[in-house]
Protein backbone atom coordinates (compact mmCIF):
# COMPACT_ATOMS: atom_id res chain seq x y z
CA MET A 1 2.93 14.43 -5.67
CA VAL A 2 1.79 12.54 -2.86
CA LEU A 3 2.16 9.05 -1.27
CA LEU A 4 -0.60 6.78 -1.29
CA VAL A 5 -0.67 3.93 1.32
CA VAL A 6 -3.30 1.41 0.26
CA ASP A 7 -4.76 -1.16 2.55
CA ALA A 8 -1.99 -1.36 5.40
CA GLN A 9 -4.92 -2.06 7.76
CA ASN A 10 -4.63 -4.79 10.80
CA GLY A 11 -6.66 -7.08 8.56
CA ILE A 12 -4.26 -7.25 5.88
CA VAL A 13 -1.02 -6.68 7.48
CA ASP A 14 0.42 -9.47 9.11
CA GLU A 15 3.02 -12.40 8.67
CA ARG A 16 0.85 -14.19 6.45
CA LEU A 17 2.37 -11.25 3.74
CA TYR A 18 5.00 -11.80 1.54
CA GLU A 19 8.33 -10.64 2.73
CA PHE A 20 6.30 -9.33 5.77
CA ARG A 21 9.25 -7.47 7.53
CA LYS A 22 10.84 -6.16 4.51
CA PHE A 23 7.13 -4.84 3.28
CA VAL A 24 6.71 -3.11 6.84
CA GLY A 25 10.42 -1.61 6.80
CA ASN A 26 10.06 -0.32 3.01
CA ILE A 27 6.12 1.31 4.04
CA LYS A 28 7.80 3.34 7.15
CA LYS A 29 10.85 4.59 5.00
CA LEU A 30 8.42 5.58 1.99
CA ILE A 31 6.11 7.33 4.35
CA GLY A 32 9.23 8.95 6.64
CA ALA A 33 10.65 10.14 3.20
CA ALA A 34 7.35 11.62 2.29
CA ARG A 35 6.88 13.35 5.46
CA GLU A 36 10.50 15.16 5.58
CA GLN A 37 10.12 16.40 1.79
CA GLY A 38 6.62 17.82 3.01
CA ILE A 39 4.56 15.35 0.46
CA GLU A 40 1.10 14.80 1.14
CA VAL A 41 0.34 11.36 2.95
CA ILE A 42 -3.04 9.53 1.99
CA TYR A 43 -4.07 6.87 3.83
CA VAL A 44 -6.91 4.57 1.40
CA GLN A 45 -8.43 2.09 3.03
CA HIS A 46 -10.55 -1.29 1.82
CA ASP A 47 -13.50 -1.52 3.72
CA ASP A 48 -15.94 -5.39 3.03
CA GLY A 49 -18.87 -3.79 3.92
CA PRO A 50 -21.28 -3.79 6.99
CA ASP A 51 -21.39 -7.04 9.46
CA THR A 52 -18.09 -8.39 7.59
CA GLY A 53 -15.36 -7.66 10.09
CA PHE A 54 -13.92 -5.74 8.15
CA SER A 55 -15.43 -2.13 7.91
CA ILE A 56 -15.41 1.25 9.71
CA GLY A 57 -15.15 0.68 13.15
CA ASP A 58 -13.82 -3.11 13.55
CA ASP A 59 -10.30 -3.62 14.57
CA GLU A 60 -9.07 -5.16 11.04
CA PHE A 61 -10.70 -1.94 9.45
CA GLU A 62 -7.79 0.36 11.55
CA VAL A 63 -4.53 1.23 9.71
CA TYR A 64 -1.46 -1.01 10.77
CA SER A 65 -0.49 0.55 13.72
CA GLU A 66 3.08 1.10 12.59
CA PHE A 67 1.89 3.21 9.84
CA GLN A 68 -0.73 5.16 12.03
CA PRO A 69 -1.48 8.42 9.86
CA MET A 70 -1.02 12.13 11.66
CA PRO A 71 -4.02 13.98 12.73
CA ASP A 72 -3.68 16.12 9.68
CA GLU A 73 -3.25 13.29 7.01
CA LYS A 74 -6.34 12.37 5.19
CA ARG A 75 -7.93 8.82 5.02
CA PHE A 76 -10.29 7.73 2.19
CA ILE A 77 -11.90 4.22 1.50
CA LYS A 78 -10.97 2.77 -1.52
CA SER A 79 -12.48 3.19 -4.84
CA VAL A 80 -10.99 3.28 -8.40
CA CYS A 81 -7.95 5.28 -9.18
CA PHE A 82 -6.94 3.75 -11.97
CA GLU A 83 -9.76 5.41 -14.01
CA HIS A 84 -9.28 9.00 -12.94
CA GLY A 85 -6.18 9.12 -14.62
CA LEU A 86 -3.67 8.74 -11.49
CA HIS A 87 -0.30 7.91 -12.42
CA MET A 88 0.40 5.26 -10.31
CA ILE A 89 3.95 4.57 -9.47
CA VAL A 90 4.64 0.84 -7.04
CA PRO A 91 8.21 0.52 -5.26
CA ALA A 92 9.25 -2.73 -4.74
CA TYR A 93 8.22 -4.81 -1.86
CA ALA A 94 6.51 -2.07 -0.16
CA ASN A 95 3.51 -4.24 -1.91
CA SER A 96 2.53 -7.76 -0.50
CA THR A 97 -0.19 -10.41 -0.58
CA GLN A 98 -1.43 -13.39 1.07
CA ASP A 99 -1.58 -17.21 -0.16
CA ASN A 100 -4.74 -17.68 -2.28
CA GLU A 101 -6.37 -20.63 -3.65
CA TYR A 102 -4.29 -20.16 -7.08
CA MET A 103 -0.93 -19.06 -6.17
CA THR A 104 1.63 -18.37 -3.73
CA ARG A 105 1.94 -15.14 -1.84
CA GLU A 106 5.78 -15.17 -3.87
CA GLN A 107 3.89 -16.06 -6.72
CA ALA A 108 0.86 -13.49 -6.60
CA TYR A 109 3.42 -10.76 -5.89
CA HIS A 110 5.56 -11.81 -8.47
CA TYR A 111 2.61 -11.74 -10.99
CA TYR A 112 1.21 -8.55 -10.37
CA ASN A 113 4.89 -6.59 -10.03
CA GLU A 114 6.10 -7.82 -13.32
CA PHE A 115 3.65 -9.07 -15.18
CA LEU A 116 -0.04 -7.29 -14.57
CA TRP A 117 0.73 -4.10 -13.53
CA PRO A 118 3.64 -2.75 -15.66
CA GLU A 119 3.02 -0.85 -18.33
CA ARG A 120 -0.95 -1.15 -17.91
CA TYR A 121 -1.61 0.36 -14.42
CA ALA A 122 1.56 1.64 -12.67
CA ASP A 123 5.49 1.89 -12.59
CA CYS A 124 7.03 -0.70 -10.62
CA VAL A 125 10.54 0.83 -9.54
CA PRO A 126 12.85 -0.35 -7.04
CA MET A 127 12.54 0.97 -3.39
CA ASP A 128 15.69 3.00 -4.14
CA ARG A 129 14.12 4.83 -7.25
CA ALA A 130 11.11 5.88 -5.68
CA LEU A 131 12.64 7.13 -2.47
CA GLU A 132 14.70 9.35 -4.85
CA LEU A 133 11.27 10.46 -6.55
CA LEU A 134 9.90 11.59 -3.92
CA LYS A 135 12.92 14.08 -3.20
CA LYS A 136 11.85 15.86 -6.54
């Protein structure tokens, strides 16, 4: 088991996220629990490409200050996980999103966590269950 911290970057993690404070607190708990249990923490970052303001070398690309990786923790540029057979577990309120032209951030959060991801791409579980799984 590993803990993937995905898209937790300056250009994404801010007050626009649904349940922002809860999201930040839960990610910090997951990272702390994984490190305590000796579980590898891997950071996966989104890159929009050169000259976008959201690419390698840009401040928006960097990992959010409260989730900083340890020097020995791996960082990767995002590619597709699902096609590689990885079993994904998504803890409640340890993922978030912003408003878009189709849905509010709350609607989008519920859409992904309660409809799109379960039984297709990931097991969406309560935060307490996710922390239990890190201890196994």
